[in-house]
Amino acid sequence: MWEESQLIVRTVCARLYAEGCNEIISLHDAIYCPADQVDHVYSTIMDEYRQRSMTPQVKIKVLVEPIIADLCPAR
């Protein structure tokens, strides 16, 4: 897992930032991004892993913005 998280942070995220994709958050071996950037992030991950003869296990999950009222119920 350490190797994957380092690859994500030091290589994939660095490349995405250099390419102007700066609305991303990385956490360990995951990258969170807006829905309109998923394809670009996915292709970047695949490319960086392919360059190292590695095959990533990529899962795409849609995150729903929480409703404030659900998080902070009225007192």
Protein backbone atom coordinates (compact mmCIF):
# COMPACT_ATOMS: atom_id res chain seq x y z
CA MET A 1 0.00 0.00 0.00
CA TRP A 2 2.85 2.43 0.75
CA GLU A 3 4.19 2.07 -2.78
CA GLU A 4 0.78 2.80 -4.30
CA SER A 5 0.16 5.81 -2.09
CA GLN A 6 3.58 7.24 -2.96
CA LEU A 7 2.91 6.71 -6.67
CA ILE A 8 -0.44 8.46 -6.37
CA VAL A 9 0.86 11.42 -4.38
CA ARG A 10 4.30 11.97 -5.87
CA THR A 11 3.58 11.09 -9.47
CA VAL A 12 -0.10 11.10 -10.39
CA CYS A 13 -1.10 14.11 -8.29
CA ALA A 14 2.02 16.02 -9.28
CA ARG A 15 1.23 15.42 -12.95
CA LEU A 16 -2.42 16.38 -12.51
CA TYR A 17 -1.45 19.65 -10.79
CA ALA A 18 1.09 20.39 -13.54
CA GLU A 19 -1.66 19.82 -16.11
CA GLY A 20 -3.95 22.29 -14.31
CA CYS A 21 -6.17 19.75 -12.59
CA ASN A 22 -5.96 21.33 -9.16
CA GLU A 23 -9.36 20.48 -7.68
CA ILE A 24 -8.23 17.11 -6.37
CA ILE A 25 -7.65 15.68 -2.92
CA SER A 26 -5.47 12.64 -2.34
CA LEU A 27 -5.82 10.36 0.65
CA HIS A 28 -3.44 7.41 0.90
CA ASP A 29 -3.93 5.64 -2.45
CA ALA A 30 -7.14 7.44 -3.45
CA ILE A 31 -7.86 10.59 -5.40
CA TYR A 32 -11.07 12.56 -4.95
CA CYS A 33 -12.05 14.91 -7.76
CA PRO A 34 -15.06 16.66 -9.27
CA ALA A 35 -17.20 14.48 -11.56
CA ASP A 36 -16.14 16.40 -14.67
CA GLN A 37 -12.49 15.47 -14.06
CA VAL A 38 -12.92 11.73 -13.44
CA ASP A 39 -11.96 10.69 -16.98
CA HIS A 40 -8.78 12.78 -16.93
CA VAL A 41 -7.77 11.52 -13.47
CA TYR A 42 -8.52 7.91 -14.47
CA SER A 43 -6.47 8.10 -17.68
CA THR A 44 -3.57 9.73 -15.81
CA ILE A 45 -3.57 6.98 -13.18
CA MET A 46 -3.65 4.29 -15.87
CA ASP A 47 -0.84 5.94 -17.84
CA GLU A 48 1.47 6.37 -14.85
CA TYR A 49 0.97 2.77 -13.74
CA ARG A 50 1.42 1.46 -17.31
CA GLN A 51 4.75 3.30 -17.55
CA ARG A 52 5.90 1.21 -14.58
CA SER A 53 4.46 -2.05 -15.95
CA MET A 54 1.92 -2.06 -13.14
CA THR A 55 -1.83 -2.62 -13.27
CA PRO A 56 -3.84 -0.56 -10.80
CA GLN A 57 -7.09 -1.62 -9.24
CA VAL A 58 -9.20 1.47 -9.86
CA LYS A 59 -12.64 1.94 -8.35
CA ILE A 60 -14.78 4.91 -9.29
CA LYS A 61 -17.30 5.95 -6.69
CA VAL A 62 -19.75 8.81 -6.92
CA LEU A 63 -19.81 10.81 -3.71
CA VAL A 64 -22.94 12.71 -2.88
CA GLU A 65 -22.59 16.06 -1.18
CA PRO A 66 -23.96 15.68 2.33
CA ILE A 67 -26.90 17.78 3.34
CA ILE A 68 -25.95 20.18 6.11
CA ALA A 69 -29.22 19.58 7.92
CA ASP A 70 -28.43 15.88 8.13
CA LEU A 71 -25.01 16.58 9.57
CA CYS A 72 -26.06 19.29 12.00
CA PRO A 73 -29.59 18.59 13.24
CA ALA A 74 -31.51 21.50 14.74
CA ARG A 75 -31.27 21.80 18.50
